[in-house]
Amino acid sequence: MSETYVHPEVLVTSAWVLDHKSDPKVRIVESDEDVLLYEMGHVPGAVKIDWQGDLQDQLIRDYIGADKFSQICSRSGIAPDTTVVFYGDKSNWWACYAFWAFKLFGHADCRIINGGRKLWIDRKLPLTKDVPHYPATDYKVGESGEKRIRAFRDDVFEHLKAKKPLLDVRSPKEFTGEMLHMEDYPQEGSLRGGHIPGAASVPWSRAVNDDGTFKSAAELRAIYEKEIGLKSTDDVIAYCRIGERSSLTWFVLTYLLGYSNVRNYDGSWCEWGNLVRVPIAKGA
C-alpha cells in the first residue's frame, strides 16, 4: 500500500507558487464560491475565473461550450501548454471544480495549491488588488475528457443496476434526509431529502485538514479503502448537491490515490432529488 500520493505533482506549495510567480508558462487561477474575494485581495499574478459567471452556461444548466472556454483561456493568457494552478476558498472546493472543468475540455497540466486561499492568508503571504493583464493567446480546445470524468443521470441509473460504488459527499444530515439543503444554503434545496440508494456517505470534509490541506495518502486510504472498501480499479461515481463538493472527492480519488475510473455526477442531488420516478433512500 502506497503511503505517498500517486500523482504528487498535481499539488503545489505556496513556496512553489512564489518561485514561479514570473514564469510565463504558469498561470495562477483563483476560483471561489464567494465571487468578491478576489477583489479583496488575491495571490499576485492570479487571474479570476468565476465558476458561475464564466464556467456555467447562463441559459442551460450545463457547462459552457468549447468556444466560450477558449475565449476565457485566451483572455487569461492561458495556452494549451500552460501549467494552470488553481486555488480558492472552502478548502479548494471551487478550485477543484474549476480543475475538473478544465479537464472536461482536455487541458493537460492542471494543479492545485495545497491549502488554498485560507492557508495562503494564514501564513500572511502577499496579496494584491492589482488585476494582471497578460497577452491574449489563441487557445484551441483539445480532446474532450467528458466521457471519462463526468456522469449523467442515465449513467447513475446504470450504476445502480450494476451495484457499483456511489459516494455521497454531502453532510450526514443531507444524506439521511433530515435536511433538504446544505447548512446555510436554504435557497438551494430539493423537493425530497435523502440519498441515491446504495450510496455510501463520505463527507468531502473528511479528506482535508483544518488548515485546508489534503490529508496524507495513508489517512485517505484508511477512509476510502479500509472503511468504505473501495479499490483503485473500481468504477466510482461521486455526487453532492451541484457537483462542487464532489469535484474535490473526484480529485482526491483520481490524483492523490490514483483511481483510474472516477466520475463526478454534477447534476447531483439538485437534479436527482427533483426527478420524477427515481428512487431515493432515507436514513443512515
Protein backbone atom coordinates (compact mmCIF):
# COMPACT_ATOMS: atom_id res chain seq x y z
CA MET A 1 0.00 0.00 0.00
CA SER A 2 1.46 3.33 -1.07
CA GLU A 3 2.00 5.86 1.69
CA THR A 4 2.52 8.70 -0.79
CA TYR A 5 0.22 10.35 -3.28
CA VAL A 6 0.12 8.60 -6.64
CA HIS A 7 0.35 11.93 -8.51
CA PRO A 8 2.09 14.31 -6.09
CA GLU A 9 2.91 16.68 -8.95
CA VAL A 10 -0.69 17.96 -9.03
CA LEU A 11 -0.27 19.61 -5.62
CA VAL A 12 1.97 22.62 -5.29
CA THR A 13 3.02 24.57 -2.22
CA SER A 14 2.87 28.30 -1.61
CA ALA A 15 6.67 28.33 -1.89
CA TRP A 16 6.42 26.79 -5.37
CA VAL A 17 3.93 29.48 -6.39
CA LEU A 18 6.21 32.27 -5.17
CA ASP A 19 9.14 30.70 -7.01
CA HIS A 20 7.13 30.60 -10.26
CA LYS A 21 5.32 33.94 -9.99
CA SER A 22 7.12 35.30 -13.05
CA ASP A 23 7.13 32.11 -15.09
CA PRO A 24 5.29 32.80 -18.37
CA LYS A 25 4.40 29.12 -18.65
CA VAL A 26 2.48 29.20 -15.35
CA ARG A 27 -0.87 30.84 -14.74
CA ILE A 28 -2.39 31.07 -11.27
CA VAL A 29 -6.21 30.97 -11.20
CA GLU A 30 -8.43 31.89 -8.27
CA SER A 31 -11.89 30.36 -8.25
CA ASP A 32 -14.07 30.95 -5.18
CA GLU A 33 -17.61 30.39 -4.06
CA ASP A 34 -17.60 33.99 -2.79
CA VAL A 35 -17.04 35.83 -6.03
CA LEU A 36 -15.98 39.03 -4.22
CA LEU A 37 -12.92 37.55 -2.51
CA TYR A 38 -10.63 38.03 -5.48
CA GLU A 39 -11.28 41.80 -5.48
CA MET A 40 -10.49 41.94 -1.74
CA GLY A 41 -7.01 40.59 -2.38
CA HIS A 42 -5.50 37.69 -4.31
CA VAL A 43 -2.23 35.93 -4.97
CA PRO A 44 -0.06 38.30 -7.03
CA GLY A 45 -0.38 37.50 -10.72
CA ALA A 46 -3.52 35.40 -10.29
CA VAL A 47 -6.45 35.75 -12.67
CA LYS A 48 -10.05 35.21 -11.69
CA ILE A 49 -12.25 32.57 -13.28
CA ASP A 50 -15.76 32.66 -11.84
CA TRP A 51 -17.25 29.17 -11.55
CA GLN A 52 -20.74 30.52 -12.13
CA GLY A 53 -20.36 33.52 -14.42
CA ASP A 54 -17.55 32.07 -16.52
CA LEU A 55 -17.81 28.28 -16.47
CA GLN A 56 -21.60 27.86 -16.39
CA ASP A 57 -23.88 28.36 -19.35
CA GLN A 58 -26.27 31.17 -18.47
CA LEU A 59 -29.30 29.66 -20.22
CA ILE A 60 -28.86 25.89 -19.90
CA ARG A 61 -27.84 24.04 -16.77
CA ASP A 62 -24.57 22.87 -18.22
CA TYR A 63 -21.01 23.93 -18.73
CA ILE A 64 -20.06 26.44 -21.37
CA GLY A 65 -19.14 25.24 -24.82
CA ALA A 66 -15.68 24.87 -26.27
CA ASP A 67 -15.74 28.30 -27.96
CA LYS A 68 -16.51 30.15 -24.72
CA PHE A 69 -13.92 28.11 -22.84
CA SER A 70 -11.33 29.03 -25.47
CA GLN A 71 -12.22 32.71 -25.04
CA ILE A 72 -11.80 32.53 -21.25
CA CYS A 73 -8.41 30.85 -21.57
CA SER A 74 -7.26 33.25 -24.28
CA ARG A 75 -8.19 36.37 -22.30
CA SER A 76 -6.41 34.91 -19.24
CA GLY A 77 -3.17 34.32 -21.10
CA ILE A 78 -3.58 30.55 -20.94
CA ALA A 79 -2.26 28.43 -23.81
CA PRO A 80 -2.76 24.67 -24.22
CA ASP A 81 0.74 24.05 -22.78
CA THR A 82 0.32 26.43 -19.82
CA THR A 83 0.57 24.98 -16.31
CA VAL A 84 -2.67 26.18 -14.72
CA VAL A 85 -2.59 26.29 -10.91
CA PHE A 86 -5.92 26.68 -9.12
CA TYR A 87 -6.73 27.81 -5.61
CA GLY A 88 -9.75 29.19 -3.78
CA ASP A 89 -11.90 29.30 -0.67
CA LYS A 90 -13.77 26.47 1.08
CA SER A 91 -10.70 24.19 1.24
CA ASN A 92 -10.40 24.39 -2.55
CA TRP A 93 -13.94 23.18 -3.37
CA TRP A 94 -14.18 25.58 -6.23
CA ALA A 95 -10.56 25.25 -7.25
CA CYS A 96 -11.19 21.52 -7.72
CA TYR A 97 -14.42 22.35 -9.54
CA ALA A 98 -12.53 24.61 -11.97
CA PHE A 99 -9.75 21.99 -12.27
CA TRP A 100 -12.40 19.40 -13.19
CA ALA A 101 -13.96 21.80 -15.72
CA PHE A 102 -10.57 22.36 -17.37
CA LYS A 103 -10.14 18.58 -17.60
CA LEU A 104 -13.55 18.34 -19.29
CA PHE A 105 -12.00 20.40 -22.08
CA GLY A 106 -8.82 18.36 -22.11
CA HIS A 107 -6.34 20.83 -20.60
CA ALA A 108 -3.21 18.84 -19.86
CA ASP A 109 -1.35 20.44 -16.95
CA CYS A 110 -3.64 21.41 -14.05
CA ARG A 111 -2.57 21.71 -10.41
CA ILE A 112 -3.91 22.78 -7.02
CA ILE A 113 -2.26 24.98 -4.37
CA ASN A 114 -2.45 22.77 -1.29
CA GLY A 115 -4.25 24.66 1.45
CA GLY A 116 -5.89 27.10 -0.94
CA ARG A 117 -6.73 30.67 -0.09
CA LYS A 118 -7.04 30.02 3.66
CA LEU A 119 -3.53 28.69 4.18
CA TRP A 120 -2.06 31.44 1.98
CA ILE A 121 -3.69 34.10 4.17
CA ASP A 122 -2.97 32.25 7.43
CA ARG A 123 0.73 32.32 6.52
CA LYS A 124 0.48 36.06 5.84
CA LEU A 125 1.77 35.65 2.31
CA PRO A 126 1.46 38.57 -0.10
CA LEU A 127 -1.91 39.62 -1.51
CA THR A 128 -2.69 42.28 -4.08
CA LYS A 129 -5.73 44.00 -5.54
CA ASP A 130 -3.93 44.62 -8.81
CA VAL A 131 -5.55 42.77 -11.71
CA PRO A 132 -2.90 41.41 -14.09
CA HIS A 133 -3.17 41.63 -17.84
CA TYR A 134 -1.47 39.02 -19.99
CA PRO A 135 -1.06 38.81 -23.76
CA ALA A 136 -4.03 37.00 -25.24
CA THR A 137 -3.48 33.52 -26.61
CA ASP A 138 -5.20 31.63 -29.39
CA TYR A 139 -6.42 28.74 -27.26
CA LYS A 140 -7.59 25.61 -29.06
CA VAL A 141 -9.56 23.01 -27.12
CA GLY A 142 -8.07 19.53 -27.16
CA GLU A 143 -9.74 16.16 -26.85
CA SER A 144 -12.77 16.24 -24.56
CA GLY A 145 -12.45 14.39 -21.25
CA GLU A 146 -16.19 14.45 -20.53
CA LYS A 147 -16.91 10.75 -21.03
CA ARG A 148 -14.10 9.77 -18.67
CA ILE A 149 -14.82 12.12 -15.78
CA ARG A 150 -18.47 13.22 -15.96
CA ALA A 151 -21.57 11.20 -15.15
CA PHE A 152 -25.14 12.00 -16.17
CA ARG A 153 -28.35 10.71 -14.60
CA ASP A 154 -28.60 7.80 -17.06
CA ASP A 155 -25.08 6.77 -16.06
CA VAL A 156 -26.21 6.79 -12.43
CA PHE A 157 -29.20 4.57 -13.28
CA GLU A 158 -26.82 2.07 -14.90
CA HIS A 159 -24.56 2.31 -11.88
CA LEU A 160 -27.49 1.45 -9.62
CA LYS A 161 -28.43 -1.57 -11.70
CA ALA A 162 -24.84 -2.84 -11.68
CA LYS A 163 -24.46 -2.11 -7.93
CA LYS A 164 -21.27 -0.17 -8.49
CA PRO A 165 -19.87 2.26 -5.87
CA LEU A 166 -21.60 5.59 -5.37
CA LEU A 167 -20.21 8.19 -2.97
CA ASP A 168 -22.45 10.83 -1.43
CA VAL A 169 -20.09 13.53 -0.17
CA ARG A 170 -22.68 15.83 1.39
CA SER A 171 -23.13 16.35 5.11
CA PRO A 172 -24.64 13.50 7.18
CA LYS A 173 -27.94 15.39 7.66
CA GLU A 174 -28.29 15.90 3.92
CA PHE A 175 -27.55 12.22 3.37
CA THR A 176 -30.22 10.99 5.81
CA GLY A 177 -32.82 13.44 4.51
CA GLU A 178 -33.03 15.37 7.75
CA MET A 179 -32.05 18.49 5.80
CA LEU A 180 -33.22 19.34 2.29
CA HIS A 181 -30.24 21.59 1.69
CA MET A 182 -26.70 22.25 2.80
CA GLU A 183 -26.46 24.21 6.06
CA ASP A 184 -26.80 27.96 5.45
CA TYR A 185 -27.98 27.35 1.86
CA PRO A 186 -31.78 27.13 2.24
CA GLN A 187 -32.41 28.54 -1.24
CA GLU A 188 -30.64 25.59 -2.84
CA GLY A 189 -32.73 22.71 -1.57
CA SER A 190 -34.57 19.92 -3.38
CA LEU A 191 -38.13 18.69 -3.16
CA ARG A 192 -37.05 15.47 -1.46
CA GLY A 193 -34.38 14.70 1.08
CA GLY A 194 -32.28 11.57 1.26
CA HIS A 195 -29.70 9.91 -0.94
CA ILE A 196 -29.33 7.72 -4.00
CA PRO A 197 -29.96 4.08 -2.97
CA GLY A 198 -26.76 2.20 -2.28
CA ALA A 199 -24.61 5.31 -1.94
CA ALA A 200 -22.03 5.45 0.84
CA SER A 201 -21.87 8.59 2.96
CA VAL A 202 -18.33 10.02 2.86
CA PRO A 203 -18.49 13.77 3.54
CA TRP A 204 -15.97 15.68 1.42
CA SER A 205 -14.56 17.39 4.53
CA ARG A 206 -13.07 14.15 5.78
CA ALA A 207 -10.42 14.43 3.05
CA VAL A 208 -8.97 17.73 4.27
CA ASN A 209 -7.25 19.07 7.37
CA ASP A 210 -8.32 22.10 9.39
CA ASP A 211 -5.79 24.27 7.59
CA GLY A 212 -7.29 23.40 4.19
CA THR A 213 -4.55 20.99 3.09
CA PHE A 214 -5.34 17.48 1.94
CA LYS A 215 -4.87 14.60 4.35
CA SER A 216 -2.00 12.20 3.82
CA ALA A 217 -2.27 9.26 1.44
CA ALA A 218 -2.38 6.85 4.37
CA GLU A 219 -5.23 8.78 6.01
CA LEU A 220 -7.15 8.94 2.74
CA ARG A 221 -6.72 5.23 2.09
CA ALA A 222 -7.94 4.49 5.60
CA ILE A 223 -11.17 6.33 4.80
CA TYR A 224 -11.90 5.24 1.24
CA GLU A 225 -10.40 1.75 1.22
CA LYS A 226 -10.33 0.35 4.74
CA GLU A 227 -13.59 1.96 5.85
CA ILE A 228 -15.61 2.17 2.63
CA GLY A 229 -13.99 -0.75 0.84
CA LEU A 230 -13.10 0.90 -2.45
CA LYS A 231 -10.37 -0.38 -4.75
CA SER A 232 -8.35 1.71 -7.18
CA THR A 233 -9.81 -0.25 -10.10
CA ASP A 234 -13.45 0.38 -9.09
CA ASP A 235 -15.83 2.30 -11.32
CA VAL A 236 -16.87 5.11 -8.94
CA ILE A 237 -19.38 7.96 -9.21
CA ALA A 238 -19.34 10.79 -6.67
CA TYR A 239 -22.07 13.36 -6.15
CA CYS A 240 -23.14 16.13 -3.78
CA ARG A 241 -25.62 18.97 -4.38
CA ILE A 242 -24.42 20.57 -7.63
CA GLY A 243 -21.09 18.81 -8.16
CA GLU A 244 -18.77 21.23 -6.40
CA ARG A 245 -18.00 19.24 -3.25
CA SER A 246 -17.87 16.00 -5.22
CA SER A 247 -15.28 17.51 -7.57
CA LEU A 248 -12.95 17.65 -4.57
CA THR A 249 -13.61 13.97 -3.84
CA TRP A 250 -13.09 13.20 -7.54
CA PHE A 251 -9.73 15.00 -7.36
CA VAL A 252 -8.67 13.09 -4.24
CA LEU A 253 -9.54 9.68 -5.66
CA THR A 254 -8.21 10.33 -9.16
CA TYR A 255 -4.97 12.16 -8.46
CA LEU A 256 -3.99 11.62 -4.85
CA LEU A 257 -4.99 7.94 -4.69
CA GLY A 258 -4.63 7.12 -8.39
CA TYR A 259 -8.06 5.67 -9.11
CA SER A 260 -8.48 5.07 -12.82
CA ASN A 261 -12.24 5.39 -13.26
CA VAL A 262 -13.92 8.09 -11.19
CA ARG A 263 -16.68 10.34 -12.48
CA ASN A 264 -18.35 13.37 -11.00
CA TYR A 265 -22.15 13.49 -11.25
CA ASP A 266 -22.56 17.25 -11.34
CA GLY A 267 -26.33 17.03 -11.70
CA SER A 268 -26.10 15.65 -8.16
CA TRP A 269 -28.90 15.95 -5.62
CA CYS A 270 -30.35 19.13 -7.11
CA GLU A 271 -31.24 17.01 -10.13
CA TRP A 272 -31.83 13.58 -8.56
CA GLY A 273 -33.87 14.92 -5.64
CA ASN A 274 -36.25 16.67 -8.04
CA LEU A 275 -36.59 13.98 -10.72
CA VAL A 276 -39.94 12.27 -11.22
CA ARG A 277 -40.00 8.48 -10.68
CA VAL A 278 -36.48 7.97 -9.45
CA PRO A 279 -35.71 6.02 -6.28
CA ILE A 280 -34.30 7.62 -3.15
CA ALA A 281 -33.33 6.27 0.26
CA LYS A 282 -33.59 7.89 3.68
CA GLY A 283 -31.73 7.38 6.91
CA ALA A 284 -28.16 6.41 7.60
